Amino acid sequence: MGAVMMPGKPVADAVYADLTTRIATLRAAGVNPGLGTILVGNDTASAGYIRMKQQRATDLGFGGRHIQLPDEATQADLLAAIRDFNADDDVDAVLIQHPTPAQIDYEGALAELDPDKDADGQHPMNMGRLALGMSGPLPCTPAGIEALLAHYQIPLAGREVVVLGRGFTLGRPLSMLLSLKRPTANAAVTVVHTGVPDWARYTRRAPIVIAAAGVPGILQPEHISPGAVVVGGGVRYQGRTLLPDVDERCEQVARWITPRVGGVGPTTIAMLFRNTVEAAERRASRVGVNQA
């Protein structure tokens, strides 16, 4: 018997339904959420992702602007665009589309961003807030995974969750988020990676395994226990082909599993818009708008 699938679309739809109500409240009070986007270069996939996010922003009734920089743009050009958005009171959150061309220092650019306008939740200050359990924009993919597990009523409190991968965009912040004392977290989190000898001895014992390595097919059926919950968070692209961390044969061993396509991805994008609405709510609070 195959595993029960956990698609991300129903999770994202629930998030958007909540956001629609919150956006209506903000707009009635004269505050319209604004998302700023920056794309450096003309990478086809990145341009497609930006269009998709812009369409969703339009559907939600967001304001905002887009800045397109050429392939040969310098670090100074990108920093100038970021400062432009930092100073724009109508832009609540800013997305710098990744990856960027080789001449761009993405982490350096991210550090220039106003941390309260960090749509992706990856600014160093926001990572620090996460580590300390303080409020702030959450990294989108980790937050999306937390929301996905909560939506499918997978309990985490007191249970061991093994995260395979320690990257700064997924594995590391996810381990911090799921270990926080939150109603949808409070887990005992173990982080392993490819530098750990026999890392599979950890994943085989865990009731919940989250693959976050960005290594196609790294998690095989023999690496999980029968009845485990398996979330495929890490992916890599070969051209336009998505290559997930989780081998599809894991469906025959797991009890719950995310699909190869349409699992964590939709929830990640939904969290981007949740961060933006929360930033707009903070703006409304600063200017004394009554959101009741």
Protein backbone atom coordinates (compact mmCIF):
# COMPACT_ATOMS: atom_id res chain seq x y z
CA MET A 1 0.00 0.00 0.00
CA GLY A 2 1.40 3.39 -1.00
CA ALA A 3 1.86 6.40 1.23
CA VAL A 4 -0.74 9.11 1.72
CA MET A 5 0.28 12.16 -0.29
CA MET A 6 0.67 15.58 1.29
CA PRO A 7 0.33 18.10 -1.57
CA GLY A 8 1.13 21.70 -0.79
CA LYS A 9 -1.71 23.37 -2.71
CA PRO A 10 -4.44 22.85 -0.05
CA VAL A 11 -2.03 24.27 2.54
CA ALA A 12 -1.24 27.30 0.38
CA ASP A 13 -4.94 27.83 -0.42
CA ALA A 14 -5.72 27.97 3.31
CA VAL A 15 -2.94 30.53 3.82
CA TYR A 16 -4.23 32.69 0.94
CA ALA A 17 -7.77 32.53 2.31
CA ASP A 18 -6.52 33.86 5.65
CA LEU A 19 -4.40 36.51 3.95
CA THR A 20 -7.33 37.70 1.82
CA THR A 21 -9.26 38.58 4.99
CA ARG A 22 -6.26 40.32 6.53
CA ILE A 23 -5.55 42.26 3.33
CA ALA A 24 -9.16 43.46 3.18
CA THR A 25 -8.84 44.75 6.75
CA LEU A 26 -5.62 46.57 5.90
CA ARG A 27 -7.00 48.12 2.72
CA ALA A 28 -10.13 49.28 4.50
CA ALA A 29 -7.81 51.11 6.88
CA GLY A 30 -5.86 52.67 4.00
CA VAL A 31 -2.85 50.33 3.95
CA ASN A 32 -2.23 48.26 0.82
CA PRO A 33 0.48 45.58 1.11
CA GLY A 34 3.31 46.19 -1.33
CA LEU A 35 5.85 43.66 -2.62
CA GLY A 36 9.04 44.78 -4.36
CA THR A 37 10.89 42.32 -6.58
CA ILE A 38 14.39 42.49 -8.04
CA LEU A 39 15.70 40.28 -10.84
CA VAL A 40 19.31 40.48 -11.95
CA GLY A 41 19.84 39.09 -15.43
CA ASN A 42 17.59 37.24 -17.85
CA ASP A 43 17.65 33.68 -16.56
CA THR A 44 14.54 32.07 -18.03
CA ALA A 45 13.58 30.07 -14.95
CA SER A 46 14.10 33.01 -12.58
CA ALA A 47 12.08 35.30 -14.83
CA GLY A 48 9.29 32.72 -14.80
CA TYR A 49 9.30 32.54 -11.02
CA ILE A 50 9.11 36.33 -10.77
CA ARG A 51 6.14 36.42 -13.19
CA MET A 52 4.36 33.76 -11.16
CA LYS A 53 4.90 35.66 -7.91
CA GLN A 54 3.85 38.93 -9.51
CA GLN A 55 0.65 37.31 -10.76
CA ARG A 56 -0.13 36.00 -7.30
CA ALA A 57 0.56 39.48 -5.87
CA THR A 58 -1.87 40.94 -8.41
CA ASP A 59 -4.49 38.33 -7.52
CA LEU A 60 -4.16 39.27 -3.86
CA GLY A 61 -4.48 42.97 -4.67
CA PHE A 62 -0.96 43.91 -3.67
CA GLY A 63 0.81 47.06 -4.74
CA GLY A 64 4.55 47.21 -5.34
CA ARG A 65 7.17 47.53 -8.05
CA HIS A 66 9.65 45.41 -9.99
CA ILE A 67 13.25 46.34 -10.78
CA GLN A 68 14.93 44.47 -13.63
CA LEU A 69 18.73 44.71 -13.80
CA PRO A 70 20.80 43.51 -16.78
CA ASP A 71 23.09 40.48 -16.76
CA GLU A 72 26.13 42.74 -16.45
CA ALA A 73 24.76 44.65 -13.44
CA THR A 74 27.29 45.32 -10.70
CA GLN A 75 26.99 44.83 -6.96
CA ALA A 76 26.63 48.60 -6.66
CA ASP A 77 23.66 48.51 -9.07
CA LEU A 78 21.92 45.87 -6.96
CA LEU A 79 22.62 47.69 -3.70
CA ALA A 80 21.17 50.88 -5.19
CA ALA A 81 17.97 49.02 -6.12
CA ILE A 82 17.70 47.59 -2.61
CA ARG A 83 18.18 51.02 -1.04
CA ASP A 84 15.45 52.35 -3.33
CA PHE A 85 13.01 49.79 -1.96
CA ASN A 86 14.22 50.30 1.63
CA ALA A 87 13.24 53.97 1.34
CA ASP A 88 9.85 53.30 -0.32
CA ASP A 89 7.12 53.37 2.32
CA ASP A 90 4.67 51.72 -0.09
CA VAL A 91 6.85 48.60 -0.34
CA ASP A 92 6.50 46.38 2.73
CA ALA A 93 8.66 43.45 1.65
CA VAL A 94 11.37 42.88 -0.94
CA LEU A 95 12.32 39.73 -2.83
CA ILE A 96 15.77 39.44 -4.44
CA GLN A 97 15.36 36.55 -6.87
CA HIS A 98 18.02 33.89 -6.41
CA PRO A 99 20.28 32.70 -8.02
CA THR A 100 22.07 35.84 -9.13
CA PRO A 101 24.88 36.15 -11.74
CA ALA A 102 28.40 35.18 -10.68
CA GLN A 103 29.60 38.75 -10.14
CA ILE A 104 26.89 39.37 -7.53
CA ASP A 105 27.46 38.74 -3.82
CA TYR A 106 23.96 37.59 -2.89
CA GLU A 107 24.63 37.37 0.86
CA GLY A 108 26.16 40.84 0.80
CA ALA A 109 23.12 42.19 -1.03
CA LEU A 110 20.78 40.49 1.42
CA ALA A 111 22.56 42.16 4.33
CA GLU A 112 21.82 45.58 2.74
CA LEU A 113 18.08 44.93 2.87
CA ASP A 114 15.99 46.40 5.67
CA PRO A 115 15.44 43.26 7.80
CA ASP A 116 11.81 44.20 8.40
CA LYS A 117 11.28 44.16 4.62
CA ASP A 118 12.87 40.74 4.17
CA ALA A 119 10.28 38.77 2.16
CA ASP A 120 12.37 35.58 2.23
CA GLY A 121 13.22 35.72 5.95
CA GLN A 122 16.92 35.11 5.23
CA HIS A 123 18.49 38.36 6.43
CA PRO A 124 21.17 37.67 9.09
CA MET A 125 19.16 39.63 11.66
CA ASN A 126 16.08 37.53 10.99
CA MET A 127 18.10 34.33 11.30
CA GLY A 128 19.22 35.66 14.67
CA ARG A 129 15.65 36.45 15.64
CA LEU A 130 14.68 32.89 14.73
CA ALA A 131 17.52 31.43 16.80
CA LEU A 132 16.39 33.49 19.80
CA GLY A 133 12.70 32.70 19.32
CA MET A 134 11.89 36.34 18.58
CA SER A 135 9.19 37.46 16.16
CA GLY A 136 10.19 38.43 12.62
CA PRO A 137 9.97 37.27 9.01
CA LEU A 138 10.49 33.50 8.87
CA PRO A 139 12.45 31.72 6.13
CA CYS A 140 9.82 30.72 3.60
CA THR A 141 10.57 27.05 2.94
CA PRO A 142 11.02 26.10 6.62
CA ALA A 143 7.83 28.00 7.52
CA GLY A 144 6.03 26.28 4.64
CA ILE A 145 7.11 22.86 5.89
CA GLU A 146 5.90 23.68 9.40
CA ALA A 147 2.53 24.78 7.95
CA LEU A 148 2.30 21.67 5.77
CA LEU A 149 2.85 19.29 8.69
CA ALA A 150 0.33 21.22 10.79
CA HIS A 151 -2.26 21.14 7.98
CA TYR A 152 -2.02 17.35 7.72
CA GLN A 153 -2.15 17.06 11.51
CA ILE A 154 1.26 15.49 11.86
CA PRO A 155 2.14 16.03 15.55
CA LEU A 156 5.67 17.24 16.23
CA ALA A 157 5.73 18.05 19.95
CA GLY A 158 8.17 15.80 21.74
CA ARG A 159 8.83 13.66 18.64
CA GLU A 160 12.15 13.24 16.89
CA VAL A 161 12.47 14.95 13.54
CA VAL A 162 15.61 14.23 11.51
CA VAL A 163 16.60 16.93 9.03
CA LEU A 164 18.98 15.71 6.33
CA GLY A 165 20.89 18.83 5.30
CA ARG A 166 22.33 21.89 7.06
CA GLY A 167 22.16 24.66 4.44
CA PHE A 168 21.44 28.22 5.56
CA THR A 169 18.28 28.50 3.44
CA LEU A 170 16.59 25.30 4.61
CA GLY A 171 18.17 22.71 6.91
CA ARG A 172 19.66 25.05 9.49
CA PRO A 173 16.69 27.43 9.94
CA LEU A 174 14.23 24.52 9.74
CA SER A 175 15.96 22.79 12.65
CA MET A 176 15.69 25.96 14.73
CA LEU A 177 12.05 26.58 13.79
CA LEU A 178 10.81 23.07 14.54
CA SER A 179 12.57 22.98 17.91
CA LEU A 180 10.91 26.22 19.12
CA LYS A 181 8.19 25.98 21.75
CA ARG A 182 5.32 26.61 19.33
CA PRO A 183 1.98 24.78 19.03
CA THR A 184 3.02 23.43 15.61
CA ALA A 185 6.64 22.62 16.55
CA ASN A 186 8.40 21.80 19.87
CA ALA A 187 10.13 18.77 18.34
CA ALA A 188 13.38 17.02 19.22
CA VAL A 189 15.36 17.86 16.08
CA THR A 190 18.46 16.05 14.89
CA VAL A 191 20.43 17.52 11.98
CA VAL A 192 22.59 15.22 9.86
CA HIS A 193 24.42 15.79 6.60
CA THR A 194 26.56 13.98 4.06
CA GLY A 195 29.64 14.50 6.23
CA VAL A 196 28.13 12.28 8.95
CA PRO A 197 29.27 8.64 8.63
CA ASP A 198 26.27 6.35 8.22
CA TRP A 199 23.78 9.23 8.42
CA ALA A 200 21.01 6.78 7.52
CA ARG A 201 21.12 5.26 11.02
CA TYR A 202 19.53 8.53 12.18
CA THR A 203 16.90 8.75 9.45
CA ARG A 204 15.93 5.09 9.89
CA ARG A 205 15.03 5.60 13.55
CA ALA A 206 13.02 8.80 13.09
CA PRO A 207 9.23 8.97 12.77
CA ILE A 208 9.60 12.17 10.71
CA VAL A 209 12.33 12.74 8.11
CA ILE A 210 12.80 15.95 6.16
CA ALA A 211 15.20 15.85 3.22
CA ALA A 212 16.90 19.23 2.80
CA ALA A 213 20.22 18.36 1.17
CA GLY A 214 19.72 19.48 -2.43
CA VAL A 215 21.19 16.14 -3.58
CA PRO A 216 18.88 14.37 -6.06
CA GLY A 217 17.67 10.99 -4.82
CA ILE A 218 19.77 11.02 -1.66
CA LEU A 219 16.93 9.62 0.47
CA GLN A 220 16.21 6.05 -0.60
CA PRO A 221 13.59 3.58 0.72
CA GLU A 222 16.19 1.78 2.86
CA HIS A 223 16.96 5.05 4.64
CA ILE A 224 13.55 5.39 6.32
CA SER A 225 11.48 3.28 8.68
CA PRO A 226 8.14 1.76 7.66
CA GLY A 227 5.35 4.21 8.46
CA ALA A 228 7.55 7.30 8.60
CA VAL A 229 6.46 10.79 7.57
CA VAL A 230 8.73 11.99 4.75
CA VAL A 231 8.98 15.57 3.50
CA GLY A 232 11.03 16.40 0.43
CA GLY A 233 12.30 19.93 0.93
CA GLY A 234 15.53 19.93 -1.05
CA VAL A 235 15.59 20.01 -4.84
CA ARG A 236 18.00 20.66 -7.65
CA TYR A 237 17.25 21.55 -11.25
CA GLN A 238 18.78 20.00 -14.36
CA GLY A 239 17.73 22.48 -16.99
CA ARG A 240 13.98 22.79 -16.35
CA THR A 241 13.71 19.32 -14.79
CA LEU A 242 13.15 19.23 -11.03
CA LEU A 243 15.25 16.61 -9.24
CA PRO A 244 14.04 16.04 -5.67
CA ASP A 245 16.03 14.71 -2.72
CA VAL A 246 13.49 11.95 -2.08
CA ASP A 247 13.48 8.89 -4.33
CA GLU A 248 9.91 8.18 -5.44
CA ARG A 249 10.18 4.57 -4.24
CA CYS A 250 10.03 5.91 -0.67
CA GLU A 251 6.27 6.07 -1.25
CA GLN A 252 6.17 2.29 -0.74
CA VAL A 253 7.69 2.55 2.75
CA ALA A 254 6.43 5.85 4.18
CA ARG A 255 2.99 6.42 5.68
CA TRP A 256 2.82 10.09 4.68
CA ILE A 257 4.94 11.74 1.97
CA THR A 258 5.07 14.91 -0.12
CA PRO A 259 4.66 14.44 -3.88
CA ARG A 260 7.60 14.86 -6.23
CA VAL A 261 6.03 18.01 -7.72
CA GLY A 262 3.64 20.29 -5.83
CA GLY A 263 4.73 19.42 -2.31
CA VAL A 264 6.72 22.04 -0.44
CA GLY A 265 6.91 24.49 -3.39
CA PRO A 266 3.39 25.99 -3.11
CA THR A 267 3.76 26.44 0.65
CA THR A 268 7.08 28.25 0.20
CA ILE A 269 5.46 30.84 -2.08
CA ALA A 270 2.51 31.23 0.27
CA MET A 271 4.91 32.07 3.11
CA LEU A 272 6.46 34.81 0.98
CA PHE A 273 3.08 36.52 0.84
CA ARG A 274 2.40 35.87 4.51
CA ASN A 275 5.67 37.65 5.34
CA THR A 276 4.58 40.57 3.16
CA VAL A 277 1.17 40.89 4.81
CA GLU A 278 2.74 40.70 8.25
CA ALA A 279 5.14 43.49 7.22
CA ALA A 280 2.15 45.58 6.09
CA GLU A 281 0.47 44.94 9.42
CA ARG A 282 3.59 46.18 11.20
CA ARG A 283 3.49 49.31 9.02
CA ALA A 284 -0.15 49.85 9.91
CA SER A 285 0.72 49.50 13.58
CA ARG A 286 3.55 52.04 13.28
CA VAL A 287 1.33 54.66 11.67
CA GLY A 288 -1.45 54.05 14.17
CA VAL A 289 -3.99 52.43 11.85
CA ASN A 290 -6.77 50.58 13.66
CA GLN A 291 -6.94 47.04 12.19
CA ALA A 292 -9.88 45.90 14.30
